[in-house]
Amino acid sequence: MAKDPNEMMAELGEGMAQVGEDLPELSAAFVQMDQACYVEGELERKYKELIGLAIALYARCEYCMNIHVKQALNEGATREEILEAAAVAVAFGGSPSMAYLSTTIMKALEAFE
């Protein structure tokens, strides 16, 4: 059974805060790099979130899947766009990606729409 997306987001936030305290240079560098990747440029931020979602699904990062579903919705992505991006990940990731799409992604859509 997929975990609750809101609980996972809270858990990640707490963990990132702890890493920020214990490894401040690493944490700051990661946050700076991550923010730089999502600055709107030739690609709108919505599309960057959809790319991030597909990569997260392929990489099987449940925390990342939840973040990118939520952020993609916040950037104006539709459910259909999110599912199409996820379908591309399934084409590369096969059965494991399909399993995460069927559980984690669907539950995140339910929680964040």
PDB file of N, CA and C in Angstrom:
ATOM      1  N   MET A   1       0.837  -1.185   0.000  1.00  0.00           N
ATOM      2  CA  MET A   1       0.000   0.000   0.000  1.00  0.00           C
ATOM      3  C   MET A   1       0.879   1.245   0.000  1.00  0.00           C
ATOM      4  N   ALA A   2       0.563   2.176  -0.862  1.00  0.00           N
ATOM      5  CA  ALA A   2       1.339   3.413  -0.948  1.00  0.00           C
ATOM      6  C   ALA A   2       1.178   4.231   0.330  1.00  0.00           C
ATOM      7  N   LYS A   3       2.251   4.891   0.695  1.00  0.00           N
ATOM      8  CA  LYS A   3       2.237   5.734   1.883  1.00  0.00           C
ATOM      9  C   LYS A   3       1.448   7.006   1.624  1.00  0.00           C
ATOM     10  N   ASP A   4       0.989   7.652   2.693  1.00  0.00           N
ATOM     11  CA  ASP A   4       0.260   8.903   2.566  1.00  0.00           C
ATOM     12  C   ASP A   4       1.192   9.995   2.050  1.00  0.00           C
ATOM     13  N   PRO A   5       0.847  10.631   0.924  1.00  0.00           N
ATOM     14  CA  PRO A   5       1.724  11.643   0.347  1.00  0.00           C
ATOM     15  C   PRO A   5       2.021  12.820   1.275  1.00  0.00           C
ATOM     16  N   ASN A   6       1.030  13.262   2.022  1.00  0.00           N
ATOM     17  CA  ASN A   6       1.257  14.384   2.936  1.00  0.00           C
ATOM     18  C   ASN A   6       2.204  14.005   4.071  1.00  0.00           C
ATOM     19  N   GLU A   7       2.065  12.789   4.569  1.00  0.00           N
ATOM     20  CA  GLU A   7       2.975  12.319   5.617  1.00  0.00           C
ATOM     21  C   GLU A   7       4.401  12.190   5.079  1.00  0.00           C
ATOM     22  N   MET A   8       4.521  11.703   3.851  1.00  0.00           N
ATOM     23  CA  MET A   8       5.854  11.580   3.252  1.00  0.00           C
ATOM     24  C   MET A   8       6.499  12.948   3.067  1.00  0.00           C
ATOM     25  N   MET A   9       5.713  13.943   2.640  1.00  0.00           N
ATOM     26  CA  MET A   9       6.251  15.294   2.458  1.00  0.00           C
ATOM     27  C   MET A   9       6.721  15.865   3.803  1.00  0.00           C
ATOM     28  N   ALA A  10       5.947  15.633   4.858  1.00  0.00           N
ATOM     29  CA  ALA A  10       6.329  16.115   6.183  1.00  0.00           C
ATOM     30  C   ALA A  10       7.596  15.413   6.667  1.00  0.00           C
ATOM     31  N   GLU A  11       7.662  14.114   6.465  1.00  0.00           N
ATOM     32  CA  GLU A  11       8.833  13.335   6.861  1.00  0.00           C
ATOM     33  C   GLU A  11      10.087  13.825   6.132  1.00  0.00           C
ATOM     34  N   LEU A  12       9.958  14.078   4.836  1.00  0.00           N
ATOM     35  CA  LEU A  12      11.086  14.577   4.063  1.00  0.00           C
ATOM     36  C   LEU A  12      11.521  15.951   4.558  1.00  0.00           C
ATOM     37  N   GLY A  13      10.572  16.812   4.830  1.00  0.00           N
ATOM     38  CA  GLY A  13      10.892  18.144   5.342  1.00  0.00           C
ATOM     39  C   GLY A  13      11.666  18.085   6.648  1.00  0.00           C
ATOM     40  N   GLU A  14      11.237  17.206   7.535  1.00  0.00           N
ATOM     41  CA  GLU A  14      11.936  17.038   8.812  1.00  0.00           C
ATOM     42  C   GLU A  14      13.346  16.505   8.598  1.00  0.00           C
ATOM     43  N   GLY A  15      13.469  15.534   7.728  1.00  0.00           N
ATOM     44  CA  GLY A  15      14.785  14.960   7.454  1.00  0.00           C
ATOM     45  C   GLY A  15      15.728  15.959   6.804  1.00  0.00           C
ATOM     46  N   MET A  16      15.211  16.741   5.861  1.00  0.00           N
ATOM     47  CA  MET A  16      16.038  17.751   5.210  1.00  0.00           C
ATOM     48  C   MET A  16      16.480  18.821   6.209  1.00  0.00           C
ATOM     49  N   ALA A  17      15.609  19.173   7.142  1.00  0.00           N
ATOM     50  CA  ALA A  17      15.980  20.146   8.167  1.00  0.00           C
ATOM     51  C   ALA A  17      17.112  19.602   9.037  1.00  0.00           C
ATOM     52  N   GLN A  18      17.034  18.319   9.372  1.00  0.00           N
ATOM     53  CA  GLN A  18      18.087  17.706  10.186  1.00  0.00           C
ATOM     54  C   GLN A  18      19.406  17.657   9.418  1.00  0.00           C
ATOM     55  N   VAL A  19      19.351  17.296   8.146  1.00  0.00           N
ATOM     56  CA  VAL A  19      20.554  17.280   7.317  1.00  0.00           C
ATOM     57  C   VAL A  19      21.126  18.692   7.228  1.00  0.00           C
ATOM     58  N   GLY A  20      20.244  19.695   7.146  1.00  0.00           N
ATOM     59  CA  GLY A  20      20.686  21.085   7.107  1.00  0.00           C
ATOM     60  C   GLY A  20      21.457  21.482   8.348  1.00  0.00           C
ATOM     61  N   GLU A  21      21.055  20.933   9.473  1.00  0.00           N
ATOM     62  CA  GLU A  21      21.767  21.209  10.724  1.00  0.00           C
ATOM     63  C   GLU A  21      23.088  20.436  10.794  1.00  0.00           C
ATOM     64  N   ASP A  22      23.050  19.176  10.398  1.00  0.00           N
ATOM     65  CA  ASP A  22      24.224  18.314  10.530  1.00  0.00           C
ATOM     66  C   ASP A  22      25.247  18.503   9.411  1.00  0.00           C
ATOM     67  N   LEU A  23      24.775  18.815   8.220  1.00  0.00           N
ATOM     68  CA  LEU A  23      25.653  18.983   7.058  1.00  0.00           C
ATOM     69  C   LEU A  23      25.250  20.258   6.309  1.00  0.00           C
ATOM     70  N   PRO A  24      25.473  21.411   6.925  1.00  0.00           N
ATOM     71  CA  PRO A  24      24.959  22.655   6.337  1.00  0.00           C
ATOM     72  C   PRO A  24      25.524  22.977   4.960  1.00  0.00           C
ATOM     73  N   GLU A  25      26.789  22.698   4.719  1.00  0.00           N
ATOM     74  CA  GLU A  25      27.370  23.013   3.407  1.00  0.00           C
ATOM     75  C   GLU A  25      26.760  22.130   2.318  1.00  0.00           C
ATOM     76  N   LEU A  26      26.625  20.848   2.603  1.00  0.00           N
ATOM     77  CA  LEU A  26      26.012  19.935   1.641  1.00  0.00           C
ATOM     78  C   LEU A  26      24.570  20.347   1.372  1.00  0.00           C
ATOM     79  N   SER A  27      23.837  20.619   2.421  1.00  0.00           N
ATOM     80  CA  SER A  27      22.436  20.991   2.284  1.00  0.00           C
ATOM     81  C   SER A  27      22.278  22.269   1.464  1.00  0.00           C
ATOM     82  N   ALA A  28      23.068  23.269   1.759  1.00  0.00           N
ATOM     83  CA  ALA A  28      22.990  24.540   1.031  1.00  0.00           C
ATOM     84  C   ALA A  28      23.333  24.346  -0.441  1.00  0.00           C
ATOM     85  N   ALA A  29      24.362  23.559  -0.706  1.00  0.00           N
ATOM     86  CA  ALA A  29      24.769  23.317  -2.093  1.00  0.00           C
ATOM     87  C   ALA A  29      23.679  22.568  -2.849  1.00  0.00           C
ATOM     88  N   PHE A  30      23.069  21.581  -2.199  1.00  0.00           N
ATOM     89  CA  PHE A  30      22.003  20.825  -2.844  1.00  0.00           C
ATOM     90  C   PHE A  30      20.809  21.717  -3.151  1.00  0.00           C
ATOM     91  N   VAL A  31      20.396  22.519  -2.174  1.00  0.00           N
ATOM     92  CA  VAL A  31      19.244  23.400  -2.371  1.00  0.00           C
ATOM     93  C   VAL A  31      19.522  24.390  -3.501  1.00  0.00           C
ATOM     94  N   GLN A  32      20.722  24.954  -3.528  1.00  0.00           N
ATOM     95  CA  GLN A  32      21.082  25.903  -4.578  1.00  0.00           C
ATOM     96  C   GLN A  32      21.047  25.234  -5.954  1.00  0.00           C
ATOM     97  N   MET A  33      21.605  24.039  -6.055  1.00  0.00           N
ATOM     98  CA  MET A  33      21.605  23.310  -7.317  1.00  0.00           C
ATOM     99  C   MET A  33      20.174  22.977  -7.751  1.00  0.00           C
ATOM    100  N   ASP A  34      19.372  22.489  -6.820  1.00  0.00           N
ATOM    101  CA  ASP A  34      18.004  22.112  -7.127  1.00  0.00           C
ATOM    102  C   ASP A  34      17.199  23.322  -7.604  1.00  0.00           C
ATOM    103  N   GLN A  35      17.328  24.433  -6.911  1.00  0.00           N
ATOM    104  CA  GLN A  35      16.607  25.641  -7.304  1.00  0.00           C
ATOM    105  C   GLN A  35      17.049  26.122  -8.684  1.00  0.00           C
ATOM    106  N   ALA A  36      18.341  26.043  -8.965  1.00  0.00           N
ATOM    107  CA  ALA A  36      18.862  26.468 -10.259  1.00  0.00           C
ATOM    108  C   ALA A  36      18.277  25.627 -11.398  1.00  0.00           C
ATOM    109  N   CYS A  37      18.048  24.361 -11.143  1.00  0.00           N
ATOM    110  CA  CYS A  37      17.507  23.471 -12.178  1.00  0.00           C
ATOM    111  C   CYS A  37      16.078  23.821 -12.560  1.00  0.00           C
ATOM    112  N   TYR A  38      15.335  24.424 -11.661  1.00  0.00           N
ATOM    113  CA  TYR A  38      13.920  24.688 -11.904  1.00  0.00           C
ATOM    114  C   TYR A  38      13.621  26.146 -12.219  1.00  0.00           C
ATOM    115  N   VAL A  39      14.653  26.958 -12.431  1.00  0.00           N
ATOM    116  CA  VAL A  39      14.444  28.339 -12.872  1.00  0.00           C
ATOM    117  C   VAL A  39      13.861  28.284 -14.280  1.00  0.00           C
ATOM    118  N   GLU A  40      12.831  29.075 -14.503  1.00  0.00           N
ATOM    119  CA  GLU A  40      12.212  29.090 -15.820  1.00  0.00           C
ATOM    120  C   GLU A  40      13.159  29.702 -16.832  1.00  0.00           C
ATOM    121  N   GLY A  41      13.337  29.018 -17.931  1.00  0.00           N
ATOM    122  CA  GLY A  41      14.188  29.486 -19.018  1.00  0.00           C
ATOM    123  C   GLY A  41      13.492  29.173 -20.322  1.00  0.00           C
ATOM    124  N   GLU A  42      14.175  28.458 -21.201  1.00  0.00           N
ATOM    125  CA  GLU A  42      13.548  28.041 -22.457  1.00  0.00           C
ATOM    126  C   GLU A  42      12.396  27.077 -22.190  1.00  0.00           C
ATOM    127  N   LEU A  43      12.518  26.306 -21.120  1.00  0.00           N
ATOM    128  CA  LEU A  43      11.422  25.428 -20.697  1.00  0.00           C
ATOM    129  C   LEU A  43      10.678  26.083 -19.543  1.00  0.00           C
ATOM    130  N   GLU A  44       9.371  26.087 -19.641  1.00  0.00           N
ATOM    131  CA  GLU A  44       8.565  26.575 -18.524  1.00  0.00           C
ATOM    132  C   GLU A  44       8.751  25.629 -17.339  1.00  0.00           C
ATOM    133  N   ARG A  45       8.593  26.176 -16.155  1.00  0.00           N
ATOM    134  CA  ARG A  45       8.774  25.385 -14.932  1.00  0.00           C
ATOM    135  C   ARG A  45       7.850  24.158 -14.901  1.00  0.00           C
ATOM    136  N   LYS A  46       6.651  24.297 -15.435  1.00  0.00           N
ATOM    137  CA  LYS A  46       5.719  23.162 -15.466  1.00  0.00           C
ATOM    138  C   LYS A  46       6.357  21.966 -16.160  1.00  0.00           C
ATOM    139  N   TYR A  47       7.008  22.218 -17.290  1.00  0.00           N
ATOM    140  CA  TYR A  47       7.614  21.118 -18.042  1.00  0.00           C
ATOM    141  C   TYR A  47       8.819  20.541 -17.306  1.00  0.00           C
ATOM    142  N   LYS A  48       9.539  21.388 -16.607  1.00  0.00           N
ATOM    143  CA  LYS A  48      10.660  20.886 -15.805  1.00  0.00           C
ATOM    144  C   LYS A  48      10.154  19.984 -14.687  1.00  0.00           C
ATOM    145  N   GLU A  49       9.024  20.334 -14.089  1.00  0.00           N
ATOM    146  CA  GLU A  49       8.433  19.482 -13.052  1.00  0.00           C
ATOM    147  C   GLU A  49       7.969  18.155 -13.634  1.00  0.00           C
ATOM    148  N   LEU A  50       7.415  18.178 -14.834  1.00  0.00           N
ATOM    149  CA  LEU A  50       6.990  16.929 -15.479  1.00  0.00           C
ATOM    150  C   LEU A  50       8.188  16.047 -15.811  1.00  0.00           C
ATOM    151  N   ILE A  51       9.281  16.658 -16.254  1.00  0.00           N
ATOM    152  CA  ILE A  51      10.517  15.897 -16.495  1.00  0.00           C
ATOM    153  C   ILE A  51      11.013  15.308 -15.176  1.00  0.00           C
ATOM    154  N   GLY A  52      11.030  16.139 -14.129  1.00  0.00           N
ATOM    155  CA  GLY A  52      11.451  15.658 -12.808  1.00  0.00           C
ATOM    156  C   GLY A  52      10.595  14.502 -12.331  1.00  0.00           C
ATOM    157  N   LEU A  53       9.296  14.590 -12.569  1.00  0.00           N
ATOM    158  CA  LEU A  53       8.385  13.514 -12.181  1.00  0.00           C
ATOM    159  C   LEU A  53       8.722  12.219 -12.911  1.00  0.00           C
ATOM    160  N   ALA A  54       8.941  12.308 -14.210  1.00  0.00           N
ATOM    161  CA  ALA A  54       9.260  11.101 -14.981  1.00  0.00           C
ATOM    162  C   ALA A  54      10.569  10.482 -14.513  1.00  0.00           C
ATOM    163  N   ILE A  55      11.556  11.316 -14.241  1.00  0.00           N
ATOM    164  CA  ILE A  55      12.837  10.792 -13.753  1.00  0.00           C
ATOM    165  C   ILE A  55      12.664  10.171 -12.368  1.00  0.00           C
ATOM    166  N   ALA A  56      11.895  10.825 -11.507  1.00  0.00           N
ATOM    167  CA  ALA A  56      11.647  10.288 -10.160  1.00  0.00           C
ATOM    168  C   ALA A  56      10.960   8.928 -10.233  1.00  0.00           C
ATOM    169  N   LEU A  57      10.004   8.802 -11.143  1.00  0.00           N
ATOM    170  CA  LEU A  57       9.293   7.537 -11.307  1.00  0.00           C
ATOM    171  C   LEU A  57      10.248   6.455 -11.803  1.00  0.00           C
ATOM    172  N   TYR A  58      11.044   6.784 -12.793  1.00  0.00           N
ATOM    173  CA  TYR A  58      12.033   5.829 -13.307  1.00  0.00           C
ATOM    174  C   TYR A  58      13.038   5.429 -12.218  1.00  0.00           C
ATOM    175  N   ALA A  59      13.454   6.412 -11.397  1.00  0.00           N
ATOM    176  CA  ALA A  59      14.449   6.164 -10.349  1.00  0.00           C
ATOM    177  C   ALA A  59      13.839   5.539  -9.084  1.00  0.00           C
ATOM    178  N   ARG A  60      12.504   5.455  -9.053  1.00  0.00           N
ATOM    179  CA  ARG A  60      11.780   4.853  -7.918  1.00  0.00           C
ATOM    180  C   ARG A  60      11.959   5.626  -6.624  1.00  0.00           C
ATOM    181  N   CYS A  61      12.003   6.950  -6.722  1.00  0.00           N
ATOM    182  CA  CYS A  61      12.108   7.814  -5.536  1.00  0.00           C
ATOM    183  C   CYS A  61      10.707   8.296  -5.164  1.00  0.00           C
ATOM    184  N   GLU A  62      10.099   7.631  -4.190  1.00  0.00           N
ATOM    185  CA  GLU A  62       8.728   7.971  -3.802  1.00  0.00           C
ATOM    186  C   GLU A  62       8.614   9.397  -3.283  1.00  0.00           C
ATOM    187  N   TYR A  63       9.605   9.852  -2.531  1.00  0.00           N
ATOM    188  CA  TYR A  63       9.569  11.226  -2.022  1.00  0.00           C
ATOM    189  C   TYR A  63       9.571  12.197  -3.196  1.00  0.00           C
ATOM    190  N   CYS A  64      10.433  11.940  -4.167  1.00  0.00           N
ATOM    191  CA  CYS A  64      10.546  12.809  -5.342  1.00  0.00           C
ATOM    192  C   CYS A  64       9.263  12.783  -6.162  1.00  0.00           C
ATOM    193  N   MET A  65       8.653  11.609  -6.288  1.00  0.00           N
ATOM    194  CA  MET A  65       7.399  11.512  -7.036  1.00  0.00           C
ATOM    195  C   MET A  65       6.345  12.424  -6.425  1.00  0.00           C
ATOM    196  N   ASN A  66       6.215  12.372  -5.113  1.00  0.00           N
ATOM    197  CA  ASN A  66       5.224  13.206  -4.430  1.00  0.00           C
ATOM    198  C   ASN A  66       5.522  14.688  -4.622  1.00  0.00           C
ATOM    199  N   ILE A  67       6.783  15.068  -4.466  1.00  0.00           N
ATOM    200  CA  ILE A  67       7.161  16.473  -4.641  1.00  0.00           C
ATOM    201  C   ILE A  67       6.812  16.940  -6.047  1.00  0.00           C
ATOM    202  N   HIS A  68       7.167  16.156  -7.056  1.00  0.00           N
ATOM    203  CA  HIS A  68       6.984  16.605  -8.432  1.00  0.00           C
ATOM    204  C   HIS A  68       5.527  16.552  -8.881  1.00  0.00           C
ATOM    205  N   VAL A  69       4.735  15.633  -8.358  1.00  0.00           N
ATOM    206  CA  VAL A  69       3.295  15.679  -8.644  1.00  0.00           C
ATOM    207  C   VAL A  69       2.725  16.968  -8.073  1.00  0.00           C
ATOM    208  N   LYS A  70       3.041  17.253  -6.828  1.00  0.00           N
ATOM    209  CA  LYS A  70       2.518  18.463  -6.177  1.00  0.00           C
ATOM    210  C   LYS A  70       2.989  19.718  -6.897  1.00  0.00           C
ATOM    211  N   GLN A  71       4.275  19.795  -7.199  1.00  0.00           N
ATOM    212  CA  GLN A  71       4.823  20.982  -7.860  1.00  0.00           C
ATOM    213  C   GLN A  71       4.280  21.127  -9.283  1.00  0.00           C
ATOM    214  N   ALA A  72       4.135  20.025 -10.000  1.00  0.00           N
ATOM    215  CA  ALA A  72       3.586  20.092 -11.357  1.00  0.00           C
ATOM    216  C   ALA A  72       2.160  20.634 -11.317  1.00  0.00           C
ATOM    217  N   LEU A  73       1.364  20.147 -10.390  1.00  0.00           N
ATOM    218  CA  LEU A  73      -0.001  20.669 -10.241  1.00  0.00           C
ATOM    219  C   LEU A  73       0.034  22.155  -9.898  1.00  0.00           C
ATOM    220  N   ASN A  74       0.934  22.541  -8.986  1.00  0.00           N
ATOM    221  CA  ASN A  74       1.053  23.953  -8.604  1.00  0.00           C
ATOM    222  C   ASN A  74       1.458  24.830  -9.791  1.00  0.00           C
ATOM    223  N   GLU A  75       2.189  24.249 -10.727  1.00  0.00           N
ATOM    224  CA  GLU A  75       2.640  24.995 -11.914  1.00  0.00           C
ATOM    225  C   GLU A  75       1.628  24.931 -13.055  1.00  0.00           C
ATOM    226  N   GLY A  76       0.468  24.321 -12.802  1.00  0.00           N
ATOM    227  CA  GLY A  76      -0.593  24.312 -13.799  1.00  0.00           C
ATOM    228  C   GLY A  76      -0.699  23.063 -14.640  1.00  0.00           C
ATOM    229  N   ALA A  77       0.074  22.046 -14.334  1.00  0.00           N
ATOM    230  CA  ALA A  77      -0.040  20.787 -15.081  1.00  0.00           C
ATOM    231  C   ALA A  77      -1.387  20.138 -14.784  1.00  0.00           C
ATOM    232  N   THR A  78      -1.931  19.511 -15.792  1.00  0.00           N
ATOM    233  CA  THR A  78      -3.189  18.787 -15.609  1.00  0.00           C
ATOM    234  C   THR A  78      -2.886  17.342 -15.212  1.00  0.00           C
ATOM    235  N   ARG A  79      -3.896  16.677 -14.729  1.00  0.00           N
ATOM    236  CA  ARG A  79      -3.788  15.250 -14.419  1.00  0.00           C
ATOM    237  C   ARG A  79      -3.328  14.481 -15.661  1.00  0.00           C
ATOM    238  N   GLU A  80      -3.886  14.832 -16.798  1.00  0.00           N
ATOM    239  CA  GLU A  80      -3.551  14.141 -18.037  1.00  0.00           C
ATOM    240  C   GLU A  80      -2.080  14.344 -18.402  1.00  0.00           C
ATOM    241  N   GLU A  81      -1.561  15.563 -18.226  1.00  0.00           N
ATOM    242  CA  GLU A  81      -0.147  15.824 -18.508  1.00  0.00           C
ATOM    243  C   GLU A  81       0.753  15.027 -17.573  1.00  0.00           C
ATOM    244  N   ILE A  82       0.371  14.962 -16.310  1.00  0.00           N
ATOM    245  CA  ILE A  82       1.149  14.196 -15.332  1.00  0.00           C
ATOM    246  C   ILE A  82       1.155  12.718 -15.712  1.00  0.00           C
ATOM    247  N   LEU A  83       0.007  12.190 -16.089  1.00  0.00           N
ATOM    248  CA  LEU A  83      -0.069  10.777 -16.462  1.00  0.00           C
ATOM    249  C   LEU A  83       0.695  10.494 -17.750  1.00  0.00           C
ATOM    250  N   GLU A  84       0.694  11.419 -18.698  1.00  0.00           N
ATOM    251  CA  GLU A  84       1.480  11.221 -19.922  1.00  0.00           C
ATOM    252  C   GLU A  84       2.974  11.216 -19.624  1.00  0.00           C
ATOM    253  N   ALA A  85       3.421  12.125 -18.758  1.00  0.00           N
ATOM    254  CA  ALA A  85       4.834  12.140 -18.370  1.00  0.00           C
ATOM    255  C   ALA A  85       5.194  10.829 -17.671  1.00  0.00           C
ATOM    256  N   ALA A  86       4.303  10.354 -16.814  1.00  0.00           N
ATOM    257  CA  ALA A  86       4.531   9.084 -16.122  1.00  0.00           C
ATOM    258  C   ALA A  86       4.587   7.927 -17.109  1.00  0.00           C
ATOM    259  N   ALA A  87       3.781   7.982 -18.148  1.00  0.00           N
ATOM    260  CA  ALA A  87       3.777   6.914 -19.148  1.00  0.00           C
ATOM    261  C   ALA A  87       5.125   6.805 -19.848  1.00  0.00           C
ATOM    262  N   VAL A  88       5.782   7.938 -20.082  1.00  0.00           N
ATOM    263  CA  VAL A  88       7.110   7.900 -20.700  1.00  0.00           C
ATOM    264  C   VAL A  88       8.081   7.169 -19.774  1.00  0.00           C
ATOM    265  N   ALA A  89       7.984   7.438 -18.474  1.00  0.00           N
ATOM    266  CA  ALA A  89       8.852   6.749 -17.517  1.00  0.00           C
ATOM    267  C   ALA A  89       8.595   5.248 -17.521  1.00  0.00           C
ATOM    268  N   VAL A  90       7.337   4.853 -17.651  1.00  0.00           N
ATOM    269  CA  VAL A  90       7.004   3.430 -17.700  1.00  0.00           C
ATOM    270  C   VAL A  90       7.625   2.786 -18.938  1.00  0.00           C
ATOM    271  N   ALA A  91       7.668   3.511 -20.051  1.00  0.00           N
ATOM    272  CA  ALA A  91       8.276   2.967 -21.266  1.00  0.00           C
ATOM    273  C   ALA A  91       9.737   2.601 -21.039  1.00  0.00           C
ATOM    274  N   PHE A  92      10.416   3.347 -20.182  1.00  0.00           N
ATOM    275  CA  PHE A  92      11.825   3.075 -19.890  1.00  0.00           C
ATOM    276  C   PHE A  92      11.997   2.184 -18.672  1.00  0.00           C
ATOM    277  N   GLY A  93      11.106   2.295 -17.700  1.00  0.00           N
ATOM    278  CA  GLY A  93      11.284   1.602 -16.430  1.00  0.00           C
ATOM    279  C   GLY A  93      10.533   0.305 -16.276  1.00  0.00           C
ATOM    280  N   GLY A  94       9.629   0.000 -17.194  1.00  0.00           N
ATOM    281  CA  GLY A  94       8.919  -1.270 -17.162  1.00  0.00           C
ATOM    282  C   GLY A  94       8.025  -1.478 -15.956  1.00  0.00           C
ATOM    283  N   SER A  95       7.967  -2.715 -15.515  1.00  0.00           N
ATOM    284  CA  SER A  95       7.049  -3.117 -14.442  1.00  0.00           C
ATOM    285  C   SER A  95       7.234  -2.330 -13.145  1.00  0.00           C
ATOM    286  N   PRO A  96       8.483  -2.083 -12.670  1.00  0.00           N
ATOM    287  CA  PRO A  96       8.605  -1.312 -11.432  1.00  0.00           C
ATOM    288  C   PRO A  96       8.008   0.092 -11.562  1.00  0.00           C
ATOM    289  N   SER A  97       8.237   0.741 -12.697  1.00  0.00           N
ATOM    290  CA  SER A  97       7.671   2.079 -12.893  1.00  0.00           C
ATOM    291  C   SER A  97       6.143   2.016 -12.959  1.00  0.00           C
ATOM    292  N   MET A  98       5.618   0.990 -13.595  1.00  0.00           N
ATOM    293  CA  MET A  98       4.161   0.825 -13.660  1.00  0.00           C
ATOM    294  C   MET A  98       3.582   0.628 -12.267  1.00  0.00           C
ATOM    295  N   ALA A  99       4.284  -0.118 -11.421  1.00  0.00           N
ATOM    296  CA  ALA A  99       3.810  -0.337 -10.052  1.00  0.00           C
ATOM    297  C   ALA A  99       3.763   0.972  -9.270  1.00  0.00           C
ATOM    298  N   TYR A 100       4.808   1.794  -9.408  1.00  0.00           N
ATOM    299  CA  TYR A 100       4.818   3.085  -8.701  1.00  0.00           C
ATOM    300  C   TYR A 100       3.796   4.051  -9.285  1.00  0.00           C
ATOM    301  N   LEU A 101       3.582   4.007 -10.591  1.00  0.00           N
ATOM    302  CA  LEU A 101       2.532   4.835 -11.192  1.00  0.00           C
ATOM    303  C   LEU A 101       1.178   4.438 -10.622  1.00  0.00           C
ATOM    304  N   SER A 102       0.938   3.145 -10.535  1.00  0.00           N
ATOM    305  CA  SER A 102      -0.356   2.636 -10.084  1.00  0.00           C
ATOM    306  C   SER A 102      -0.622   2.870  -8.605  1.00  0.00           C
ATOM    307  N   THR A 103       0.415   3.154  -7.851  1.00  0.00           N
ATOM    308  CA  THR A 103       0.250   3.345  -6.407  1.00  0.00           C
ATOM    309  C   THR A 103       0.637   4.771  -5.998  1.00  0.00           C
ATOM    310  N   THR A 104       1.915   5.057  -5.985  1.00  0.00           N
ATOM    311  CA  THR A 104       2.415   6.325  -5.455  1.00  0.00           C
ATOM    312  C   THR A 104       1.909   7.530  -6.243  1.00  0.00           C
ATOM    313  N   ILE A 105       2.008   7.481  -7.565  1.00  0.00           N
ATOM    314  CA  ILE A 105       1.584   8.623  -8.381  1.00  0.00           C
ATOM    315  C   ILE A 105       0.077   8.828  -8.268  1.00  0.00           C
ATOM    316  N   MET A 106      -0.686   7.754  -8.360  1.00  0.00           N
ATOM    317  CA  MET A 106      -2.142   7.877  -8.277  1.00  0.00           C
ATOM    318  C   MET A 106      -2.572   8.409  -6.907  1.00  0.00           C
ATOM    319  N   LYS A 107      -1.910   7.952  -5.862  1.00  0.00           N
ATOM    320  CA  LYS A 107      -2.242   8.434  -4.517  1.00  0.00           C
ATOM    321  C   LYS A 107      -1.860   9.906  -4.365  1.00  0.00           C
ATOM    322  N   ALA A 108      -0.727  10.306  -4.960  1.00  0.00           N
ATOM    323  CA  ALA A 108      -0.316  11.718  -4.897  1.00  0.00           C
ATOM    324  C   ALA A 108      -1.307  12.595  -5.653  1.00  0.00           C
ATOM    325  N   LEU A 109      -1.767  12.146  -6.803  1.00  0.00           N
ATOM    326  CA  LEU A 109      -2.782  12.914  -7.527  1.00  0.00           C
ATOM    327  C   LEU A 109      -4.041  13.078  -6.679  1.00  0.00           C
ATOM    328  N   GLU A 110      -4.448  12.004  -6.046  1.00  0.00           N
ATOM    329  CA  GLU A 110      -5.634  12.042  -5.185  1.00  0.00           C
ATOM    330  C   GLU A 110      -5.438  13.048  -4.039  1.00  0.00           C
ATOM    331  N   ALA A 111      -4.244  13.084  -3.475  1.00  0.00           N
ATOM    332  CA  ALA A 111      -3.981  13.959  -2.321  1.00  0.00           C
ATOM    333  C   ALA A 111      -3.820  15.417  -2.709  1.00  0.00           C
ATOM    334  N   PHE A 112      -3.232  15.692  -3.860  1.00  0.00           N
ATOM    335  CA  PHE A 112      -2.825  17.062  -4.179  1.00  0.00           C
ATOM    336  C   PHE A 112      -3.717  17.778  -5.201  1.00  0.00           C
ATOM    337  N   GLU A 113      -4.616  17.050  -5.858  1.00  0.00           N
ATOM    338  CA  GLU A 113      -5.477  17.726  -6.842  1.00  0.00           C
ATOM    339  C   GLU A 113      -6.502  18.601  -6.133  1.00  0.00           C
TER     340      GLU A 113
END
